[in-house]
Protein backbone atom coordinates (compact mmCIF):
# COMPACT_ATOMS: atom_id res chain seq x y z
CA MET A 1 113.63 132.20 108.92
CA ARG A 2 111.07 133.99 106.78
CA LYS A 3 111.53 131.41 104.01
CA VAL A 4 110.86 128.56 106.45
CA SER A 5 107.69 130.27 107.66
CA ILE A 6 106.37 130.66 104.12
CA ILE A 7 107.02 127.00 103.31
CA PHE A 8 105.30 125.94 106.51
CA LEU A 9 102.20 127.96 105.69
CA ILE A 10 102.01 126.48 102.21
CA LEU A 11 102.23 122.92 103.49
CA LEU A 12 99.70 123.64 106.20
CA CYS A 13 97.11 124.57 103.62
CA SER A 14 94.67 121.66 103.67
CA SER A 15 93.00 122.67 100.44
CA LEU A 16 96.36 122.77 98.67
CA VAL A 17 95.66 126.17 97.19
CA TYR A 18 97.59 129.36 97.82
CA GLY A 19 96.12 132.61 99.07
CA GLN A 20 93.58 133.94 101.52
CA LYS A 21 90.77 131.71 102.74
CA TYR A 22 87.27 132.10 104.09
CA THR A 23 86.13 129.69 106.81
CA ILE A 24 82.57 128.42 106.86
CA LYS A 25 81.29 125.99 109.47
CA GLY A 26 78.03 124.56 110.69
CA LYS A 27 75.99 121.39 111.01
CA VAL A 28 74.22 119.14 108.50
CA ILE A 29 71.02 117.62 109.89
CA ASP A 30 68.16 115.37 108.86
CA LYS A 31 65.24 117.68 108.07
CA THR A 32 62.70 115.34 109.66
CA SER A 33 64.47 114.14 112.82
CA GLY A 34 66.78 117.10 113.42
CA LEU A 35 69.66 114.70 114.05
CA GLY A 36 73.13 115.32 112.66
CA ILE A 37 74.10 113.39 109.51
CA SER A 38 77.50 111.70 109.90
CA PHE A 39 79.87 111.68 106.88
CA ALA A 40 77.79 114.03 104.76
CA SER A 41 79.94 115.59 102.03
CA VAL A 42 80.52 119.35 101.98
CA TRP A 43 82.25 120.39 98.76
CA ILE A 44 83.07 123.32 96.56
CA LYS A 45 81.19 122.15 93.49
CA GLY A 46 83.40 121.09 90.59
CA THR A 47 86.61 120.90 92.69
CA PHE A 48 88.30 118.47 95.07
CA VAL A 49 88.14 120.95 97.98
CA GLY A 50 85.82 119.58 100.62
CA VAL A 51 85.31 117.87 103.96
CA ALA A 52 83.07 115.24 105.54
CA THR A 53 80.92 115.97 108.58
CA ASP A 54 81.91 114.40 111.89
CA LEU A 55 79.87 111.96 113.98
CA GLU A 56 77.47 114.76 115.03
CA GLY A 57 77.07 116.19 111.54
CA LYS A 58 79.39 119.17 112.17
CA TYR A 59 81.79 120.51 109.56
CA GLU A 60 84.34 123.28 109.00
CA LEU A 61 85.48 124.15 105.48
CA GLU A 62 88.17 126.58 104.37
CA VAL A 63 87.28 128.16 101.03
CA PRO A 64 90.28 129.53 99.07
CA LYS A 65 89.90 133.12 97.85
CA ASP A 66 90.07 132.05 94.21
CA LYS A 67 87.13 129.69 94.81
CA SER A 68 84.94 132.24 96.61
CA ASP A 69 82.62 132.61 93.59
CA SER A 70 81.82 128.90 93.70
CA VAL A 71 78.83 126.89 94.85
CA LEU A 72 78.84 124.89 98.10
CA GLN A 73 77.30 121.45 97.73
CA PHE A 74 75.93 119.35 100.59
CA SER A 75 75.14 115.70 99.90
CA SER A 76 74.71 112.29 101.50
CA VAL A 77 73.44 108.96 100.20
CA GLY A 78 69.68 108.75 100.72
CA TYR A 79 69.21 112.54 100.84
CA LYS A 80 68.47 115.24 98.29
CA ASP A 81 71.47 117.48 97.55
CA GLU A 82 71.48 121.11 98.67
CA GLU A 83 73.51 123.90 97.07
CA PHE A 84 74.38 127.44 98.19
CA ASP A 85 76.04 130.28 96.31
CA PHE A 86 79.07 131.18 98.43
CA ASN A 87 78.89 134.80 97.20
CA LEU A 88 75.67 135.16 99.18
CA ILE A 89 77.33 133.87 102.35
CA LYS A 90 80.85 135.31 102.57
CA GLY A 91 81.15 138.45 104.64
CA LYS A 92 77.65 137.97 106.04
CA LYS A 93 77.91 134.82 108.10
CA ASP A 94 80.52 132.21 108.98
CA VAL A 95 77.99 129.64 110.20
CA LEU A 96 75.77 127.74 107.77
CA ASN A 97 73.50 125.00 109.11
CA VAL A 98 71.92 122.84 106.42
CA SER A 99 68.92 120.51 106.50
CA LEU A 100 68.78 117.62 104.03
CA GLN A 101 65.50 115.99 103.00
CA SER A 102 65.55 112.21 103.23
CA ARG A 103 64.71 110.02 100.22
CA LEU A 104 63.96 107.05 102.47
CA PHE A 105 60.64 105.22 102.31
CA ILE A 106 60.40 103.26 105.56
CA PHE A 107 58.52 99.98 105.73
CA ASN A 108 56.04 99.32 108.54
CA GLU A 109 56.89 97.21 111.59
CA VAL A 110 55.49 94.02 110.04
CA ASN A 111 57.93 94.28 107.15
CA ILE A 112 61.10 95.23 109.02
CA THR A 113 61.00 92.84 111.98
CA GLY A 114 61.53 89.09 112.24
CA LYS A 115 63.11 88.84 108.80
CA SER A 116 66.70 87.82 109.60
CA LEU A 117 66.46 84.44 107.88
CA VAL A 118 65.00 85.97 104.71
CA LEU A 119 67.71 88.63 104.72
CA GLN A 120 70.40 86.00 105.23
CA LYS A 121 69.30 84.41 101.96
CA TYR A 122 69.35 87.82 100.30
CA LEU A 123 72.91 88.52 101.51
CA LYS A 124 74.01 85.09 100.28
CA ASN A 125 72.99 86.25 96.81
CA VAL A 126 75.04 89.40 97.36
CA CYS A 127 78.10 87.28 98.21
CA LYS A 128 77.58 84.94 95.26
CA ASN A 129 77.26 87.87 92.83
CA ILE A 130 80.54 89.50 93.84
CA VAL A 131 82.22 87.49 91.07
CA ASP A 132 79.93 89.14 88.48
CA ASN A 133 79.75 92.64 89.95
CA TYR A 134 83.42 93.38 90.78
CA PRO A 135 86.68 92.93 88.78
CA GLN A 136 88.12 89.43 89.10
CA LYS A 137 91.56 90.07 87.65
CA GLN A 138 94.71 91.91 88.67
CA PHE A 139 94.70 95.69 88.46
CA SER A 140 96.53 98.75 89.69
CA SER A 141 94.99 102.00 90.87
CA ASP A 142 96.26 105.49 91.68
CA VAL A 143 94.69 106.74 94.89
CA TYR A 144 94.38 110.15 96.55
CA TYR A 145 95.06 109.56 100.25
CA SER A 146 94.46 112.32 102.80
CA TYR A 147 95.12 112.02 106.53
CA ASN A 148 94.17 114.51 109.25
CA LYS A 149 94.79 114.12 112.95
CA LYS A 150 93.37 116.51 115.54
CA ILE A 151 94.89 116.00 118.97
CA ASP A 152 92.85 118.78 120.55
CA SER A 153 91.39 122.15 119.55
CA THR A 154 94.86 123.66 119.09
CA LYS A 155 96.92 120.86 117.53
CA SER A 156 96.35 119.18 114.17
CA GLU A 157 98.32 117.47 111.43
CA THR A 158 97.38 117.12 107.77
CA LYS A 159 99.09 114.91 105.19
CA ASN A 160 98.19 114.29 101.56
CA SER A 161 99.62 111.74 99.17
CA LEU A 162 99.14 109.88 95.93
CA LEU A 163 99.38 106.10 96.25
CA ARG A 164 99.80 103.39 93.67
CA VAL A 165 98.01 100.22 94.76
CA TYR A 166 98.51 96.87 93.01
CA ASP A 167 96.06 94.00 93.51
CA ASP A 168 97.22 90.65 92.14
CA GLU A 169 93.86 88.92 92.67
CA GLY A 170 91.11 91.48 92.12
CA TYR A 171 87.92 90.76 94.03
CA LYS A 172 88.57 87.03 94.35
CA ARG A 173 87.80 86.47 98.01
CA SER A 174 89.52 83.65 99.88
CA SER A 175 91.32 83.74 103.24
CA VAL A 176 92.28 86.85 105.23
CA ASP A 177 95.94 85.98 104.81
CA LYS A 178 95.76 85.56 101.03
CA THR A 179 93.66 88.70 100.64
CA TYR A 180 96.30 90.90 102.23
CA LYS A 181 99.32 89.23 100.63
CA SER A 182 97.92 89.97 97.17
CA VAL A 183 97.74 93.76 97.68
CA ASN A 184 100.84 96.01 97.62
CA TYR A 185 101.31 99.78 97.50
CA LYS A 186 103.84 102.58 97.29
CA PHE A 187 103.82 106.38 97.55
CA LEU A 188 104.16 108.45 94.37
CA LYS A 189 103.68 112.04 95.61
CA VAL A 190 103.33 113.61 99.05
CA ASP A 191 102.48 116.92 100.64
CA LYS A 192 103.27 117.14 104.34
CA GLN A 193 104.17 119.52 107.13
CA SER A 194 107.34 117.71 108.14
CA GLU A 195 110.06 115.81 106.32
CA ASN A 196 110.34 113.36 109.23
CA GLY A 197 108.35 110.49 107.86
CA PHE A 198 104.68 110.20 107.03
CA LEU A 199 101.77 109.93 109.44
CA GLY A 200 102.90 109.96 113.07
CA GLY A 201 105.45 107.46 114.26
CA GLY A 202 106.54 106.43 110.77
CA SER A 203 103.32 104.55 110.07
CA THR A 204 101.14 105.00 107.00
CA TYR A 205 97.87 103.33 108.16
CA VAL A 206 97.14 102.12 104.63
CA ASP A 207 96.76 98.49 105.76
CA ASN A 208 94.03 99.52 108.14
CA ILE A 209 92.15 101.35 105.40
CA LEU A 210 92.39 98.42 102.96
CA TYR A 211 90.49 96.33 105.53
CA CYS A 212 87.55 98.73 105.14
CA ASP A 213 86.92 97.55 101.57
CA ILE A 214 84.16 95.27 102.79
CA VAL A 215 83.60 93.61 99.40
CA ARG A 216 87.31 92.87 98.91
CA SER A 217 87.91 91.67 102.48
CA VAL A 218 86.65 88.57 104.24
CA GLY A 219 85.61 88.05 107.85
CA ASN A 220 82.67 90.48 107.86
CA ILE A 221 78.96 90.67 107.05
CA LEU A 222 79.67 89.64 103.43
CA ASP A 223 80.99 86.23 104.45
CA ILE A 224 78.47 83.43 103.93
CA ASN A 225 79.96 81.49 106.85
CA ASN A 226 79.37 84.43 109.22
CA LEU A 227 75.81 85.42 108.32
CA SER A 228 74.18 83.48 111.17
CA GLU A 229 76.27 85.51 113.65
CA PHE A 230 74.50 88.76 112.72
CA MET A 231 71.10 90.20 113.54
CA LEU A 232 69.64 91.61 110.32
CA GLU A 233 66.87 94.13 109.76
CA ARG A 234 65.39 95.59 106.60
CA TYR A 235 65.44 99.31 107.21
CA ALA A 236 64.10 100.88 104.06
CA ASP A 237 64.05 101.18 100.29
CA ILE A 238 65.65 104.12 98.50
CA ASP A 239 64.98 105.48 95.07
CA ASP A 240 68.37 107.17 94.70
CA LYS A 241 68.64 108.92 91.31
CA GLY A 242 66.81 106.14 89.52
CA ILE A 243 68.59 103.28 91.30
CA ASN A 244 66.41 101.00 93.48
CA VAL A 245 68.33 100.29 96.67
CA ILE A 246 67.51 98.07 99.63
CA VAL A 247 68.91 99.19 102.98
CA ILE A 248 69.83 96.41 105.44
CA GLY A 249 71.02 97.02 108.98
CA TYR A 250 73.25 94.46 110.71
CA ARG A 251 74.68 93.92 114.18
CA LEU A 252 77.02 91.23 115.47
CA LYS A 253 75.05 89.18 118.00
CA SER A 254 77.87 88.99 120.54
CA ASN A 255 81.31 90.51 120.90
CA GLN A 256 83.09 87.70 119.05
CA SER A 257 86.26 89.40 117.93
CA ASP A 258 87.33 86.27 116.02
CA ILE A 259 84.39 86.67 113.61
CA VAL A 260 85.60 90.07 112.36
CA ASN A 261 89.28 89.77 113.39
CA ILE A 262 89.22 92.77 115.75
CA ASP A 263 90.64 92.57 119.27
CA GLY A 264 89.01 94.47 122.14
CA LEU A 265 85.64 94.56 120.38
CA LYS A 266 82.60 95.90 122.29
CA SER A 267 80.12 96.40 119.46
CA TYR A 268 80.02 96.01 115.66
CA SER A 269 77.11 97.22 113.53
CA GLY A 270 76.46 98.73 110.16
CA ILE A 271 74.16 99.55 107.26
CA LEU A 272 74.43 98.06 103.77
CA TYR A 273 73.05 99.79 100.66
CA ILE A 274 72.46 97.19 97.92
CA ASN A 275 71.31 97.60 94.33
CA LYS A 276 68.14 95.50 94.15
CA GLU A 277 68.58 94.70 90.47
CA ASN A 278 72.00 93.01 90.58
CA PHE A 279 72.76 92.49 94.32
CA ALA A 280 75.77 94.83 94.19
CA VAL A 281 76.86 96.64 97.36
CA ILE A 282 77.13 100.36 96.59
CA LYS A 283 77.70 101.64 100.11
CA ASN A 284 78.49 100.40 103.62
CA ILE A 285 78.43 102.42 106.83
CA LEU A 286 80.17 100.66 109.71
CA LYS A 287 80.36 101.60 113.40
CA ILE A 288 82.77 99.84 115.76
CA GLN A 289 83.34 100.36 119.47
CA LEU A 290 86.46 98.97 121.20
CA ASN A 291 87.98 99.01 124.66
CA LYS A 292 91.49 98.63 123.25
CA VAL A 293 93.22 99.19 119.95
CA PRO A 294 94.99 96.37 118.03
CA ASN A 295 98.55 96.66 116.76
CA LEU A 296 99.22 98.62 113.60
CA GLY A 297 98.78 96.40 110.57
CA LEU A 298 95.91 94.47 112.08
CA PRO A 299 92.43 95.41 110.90
CA ILE A 300 91.25 98.98 111.32
CA VAL A 301 93.09 100.88 114.04
CA VAL A 302 96.43 102.30 114.95
CA LYS A 303 97.66 101.86 118.53
CA SER A 304 98.57 98.84 120.66
CA ASN A 305 97.69 99.67 124.27
CA LYS A 306 94.46 99.38 126.21
CA VAL A 307 92.66 102.68 126.09
CA LYS A 308 92.31 104.96 129.09
CA GLY A 309 89.07 106.84 129.61
CA ASN A 310 86.55 106.57 126.80
CA ASP A 311 86.29 103.76 124.27
CA VAL A 312 87.61 104.04 120.73
CA ILE A 313 84.78 104.80 118.30
CA LEU A 314 85.21 104.07 114.59
CA ASN A 315 82.84 105.24 111.87
CA ILE A 316 83.69 104.09 108.35
CA GLU A 317 81.87 104.81 105.10
CA THR A 318 82.82 102.75 102.03
CA ASN A 319 81.45 103.58 98.57
CA TYR A 320 81.44 101.72 95.25
CA LYS A 321 80.71 103.12 91.80
CA LYS A 322 79.63 101.33 88.64
CA VAL A 323 81.75 101.99 85.56
CA GLY A 324 80.72 99.94 82.55
CA SER A 325 79.60 96.51 83.74
CA LYS A 326 81.62 96.40 86.98
CA TYR A 327 81.69 98.17 90.35
CA TYR A 328 84.87 99.71 91.73
CA LEU A 329 85.81 101.09 95.11
CA SER A 330 85.35 104.86 94.81
CA GLN A 331 85.95 106.16 98.34
CA ILE A 332 86.60 105.21 101.96
CA LEU A 333 85.96 107.82 104.65
CA TYR A 334 87.41 106.75 108.01
CA HIS A 335 86.83 108.50 111.38
CA GLN A 336 88.52 107.32 114.57
CA GLN A 337 87.57 109.08 117.81
CA TYR A 338 89.40 108.54 121.09
CA ASN A 339 88.86 111.13 123.82
CA LYS A 340 89.79 114.47 122.16
CA GLU A 341 91.84 112.84 119.41
CA LEU A 342 90.18 112.50 116.01
CA ILE A 343 91.77 110.80 113.00
CA THR A 344 90.11 111.29 109.61
CA ILE A 345 91.29 109.53 106.45
CA ASP A 346 89.98 110.00 102.92
CA TYR A 347 90.99 107.18 100.53
CA ARG A 348 89.82 107.98 97.00
CA PRO A 349 90.89 106.01 93.89
CA GLN A 350 91.44 108.31 90.88
CA GLU A 351 91.92 105.75 88.12
CA TYR A 352 92.11 101.99 87.63
CA ASN A 353 94.38 100.26 85.17
CA LEU A 354 93.07 96.82 84.19
CA SER A 355 94.51 96.49 80.69
CA LYS A 356 98.15 97.06 81.70
CA PRO A 357 98.33 97.06 85.52
CA ILE A 358 101.53 98.48 86.98
CA LYS A 359 102.98 95.96 89.42
CA VAL A 360 104.14 97.08 92.86
CA ASP A 361 106.44 94.88 94.94
CA GLY A 362 105.97 95.06 98.70
CA ARG A 363 104.41 97.73 100.88
CA GLU A 364 105.77 101.10 101.94
CA TYR A 365 105.04 101.21 105.65
CA TYR A 366 107.25 104.28 105.90
CA GLU A 367 107.65 106.88 103.17
CA GLU A 368 110.59 109.22 102.72
CA LEU A 369 109.58 111.28 99.68
CA LYS A 370 110.09 115.02 99.62
CA ALA A 371 107.00 117.17 99.45
CA ASP A 372 106.13 118.21 95.88
CA SER A 373 104.25 121.51 96.30
CA LYS A 374 104.24 122.19 92.53
CA TYR A 375 102.38 118.95 91.84
CA TRP A 376 99.78 119.63 94.53
CA SER A 377 99.19 123.20 93.39
CA ILE A 378 97.64 121.87 90.17
CA PHE A 379 96.19 118.60 91.50
CA SER A 380 92.41 118.09 91.39
CA ILE A 381 90.37 115.09 92.39
CA ASN A 382 88.90 113.04 89.58
CA LYS A 383 85.26 112.62 90.58
CA ASP A 384 84.56 110.29 87.65
CA LEU A 385 86.59 107.10 87.95
CA GLU A 386 88.81 106.45 84.94
CA ILE A 387 89.16 102.82 83.89
CA LYS A 388 91.96 101.86 81.53
């Protein structure tokens, strides 16, 4: 019985590190407005241990004892990073609220209103330049995939895995059907609380996350045929670490679920961050509100019945990183809120293999691997994408 308890505690450890932990929590806010910053990153600098803030900017991070001499880093696109020496915090406070200073330079009303047609032309250039900015040949990638489900304040489930994803087309965009048929995946390593399957009900949710790659997918704001269906607004320009970025907000004019292939749609809006020099998308923040959840395997979400009570709220952040002359998907952060249930998924490619891609046949909708605690005890996230 004691042995079972020890194993359970090891697998429960979300940071995948043994030993005592310190818990620090708080809220990350915009220094000017005082509003919470959704999806801000809270990390132990130089490690893979970290969390993203929720919709209100709140976070809770468990710091392993052997990392207690580290530096906590708070960051978000468009904001200046903040760092804190954890040695100055532990034992003194367990709440740390952080204000981030915005890098945004907002245009006046004349510049940001009534420009939808101009912005449509700009986004057409973004679509046309996908062929130059993103890999157009087959590749495989190894991906860190973390899933956390909080049912209420007392119940939660955490799963971690390493995926191998094979894309037979690269970023050649055609039909929705062809896009999905060209991508396969399988599980290489897992760390989980239970041996009874992976991610509640035997489902893996990977299909839903692949849809969030807005540059790879079709049927969204980056579809030339759909641009007239969106209201567009130029929000701001950012000088983000020497990169000139234009920020464009978008909102679907009406709840046309056929435009974005989502059933039960109530609202669909987002913010695109685009490199002004080459028209490459480097970040997309998407918010979706639904009154029902489509079947598993269809875009985005994970249940099949009409919701009771509150709507389903989805907040999805997708990031791309330039390595050499091309941009690659570097991270997808997915939050799904329904009543007290919160699902958070972190999809983070570790390396891409373009020279000798490893082919994967089919998709593993249900994984049956045994947990490999030895592998996870030495695993660390590769923050710099490796391209082979």
